[in-house]
C-alpha cells in the first residue's frame, strides 16, 4: 500500500439487518480496511459473508450501524461523487439506448446535454462499444451489456471503482476478454480511476487482477486474512509464484477451527447454514477425487479445474463432504476418508444406506425432522413447523433454503418423503409399515 491519505478508510464498520421477526442479524462486525491510491483490492469469501453489503456501504447506498466510512478523509453519508459501482447484474433500462443508459448518471447530476454526449461517446468507444451507441440492450450480448455497465460507471470519471462480481454472469471467454480489457485501461492509465475494489468468487481472477486479496469470514463478516500479490502484470497463471498464492488462499478459505487432539467436533446447531450441494454433485466430486490422477487426494486448484466449477460452488461441495464425514480438507488439499472411499466403492443401494447413516449422524436438522416424524401418530408434519424453528436462527429466505436443502438430502437417503403440493413431510411408506407392524413393548418389558 502506498503512503499518504487513503482513498477509502474503514474503521470498525458494523452492519445489522433487522429480520421480519424483529431479531437482529449481524452481517458485518469490526471491519477495518484501507484502499490506497493506485491499487486494486479483491474481496473473497463465502456467500453471506457481507462482501456485497460492504461495497454498498462504501458506495453510500446503505448506512452502517457502527464504525466510520471515509472517502478522502470525509464521511460517506450518501452516494459520493467520485465513487462509482458496477453491479453483478447488467441493470440496464431496456427502453433506453446504450448512450442513454451511459448518460443517466450525468443527467442526474445536471451535466449539460452537449457535455453528456461527448463524455458518453468517449467512454463507449473506450470500452469497445463504438458503433453501438443507438442499440438497445436486447440487441446486445451479455458481454456487451456488461460493457455498458462499465461505461456507465466510468463516464462519471470516478476516483474509486467498486465492482460486485462484475464478470460472474458472463461465459468464461467473455469474462476473460472483459477482464483483460479493464486491466489494460487501468495499467495504461486510460481511465482516471485511482483505486479499484471488487468482490469475486473466483480465486484465480482475484490473483490475476489484485495487488491485495482480503479474505472474509462469515457470520458475521470480517477480514480473516490479507494476502499481498507481489507479481507484475501481465500475470502468468502457470507460474510457480502464481500457483503458490492461489494455493495459500484455497488453504485459508477451507481452513477449519483447530481442536485439541482427541476432541470430537462440535455438533451442528439446528439452524446451521447448510451448504448448497445436491447428493449427486457431492457424489460426483468424490468419484472424481477417487479416480486418476488423484487416487483419493487432490490439490484444490487442480480439483476445481477438473470439475470446471466456480470456487464458490466447489466450497459448498467441500463443506458438504466434510460435514458428512466423507472427506478431509487440510491446507489446500482434499482427501477421501474411509467412509468416502466406502461410498464411492458401493453400489446404488449401498451408497444410499451410507448417505442416510451419515446424514442422521452429522446433520442435526435431518435428525430432528426424522425424530418428529417418528413420534407423530400419523408420521407427518407440515414444512412450516420446521421453517418457524429455523427462523429463530436464520432469515426467512435462508430458513426456507436450508430446509429445501435438507429435504433433498433426506429424500435421496429415503429417511423421509415430501409432498410439494401440500408442503408436508412424512415417513416413507416402508417405514410406516414397519412401525405399524412392530408390536408395543409388553408390560414386563415396559416395567424394566
Foldseek 3Di string as FASTA:
>chain_A
DDDDQFQKWWFQFWAWDQFPVRDIFTADGGATDTWHFAFEEEEEEAPSQCPVVVLCCQQFNDDTPDTFIDGSRHGRNHGDQQEFEQEQQLPFDQVQFLLVRLLVVVVVVVNDPVVSNVLLQVLCVLLPNPPRRGPGPVVDDPLNSLSSSVSSRQSSLHQEYEYEQSQVVDDPVSSVVSLVSVQVCSVVVVGNHGYYYYYHLALLSRLQGGQKYFYWYVSHTYGPDIDGNPDDPRDDCPDPSNVVSSLQVLQVRLDDDDDPPPDDDDADDLQPLQFDDFPVRLLVLLLVCCDPPNNFKDQQVVSCVVVVDRNNNVSNSVVVCVLLVQWDDHSRMIGGDPLVVQLNPDDLVSVLQSLLVSCCVRNVNLVVLLVVLVPDPQSKDAPVVQLVVNVVPDHSVSSVVVVVRVQSSCVSSQQWHADPVRRMIGHPPVVVVVVVPDDDDDPVVVVD
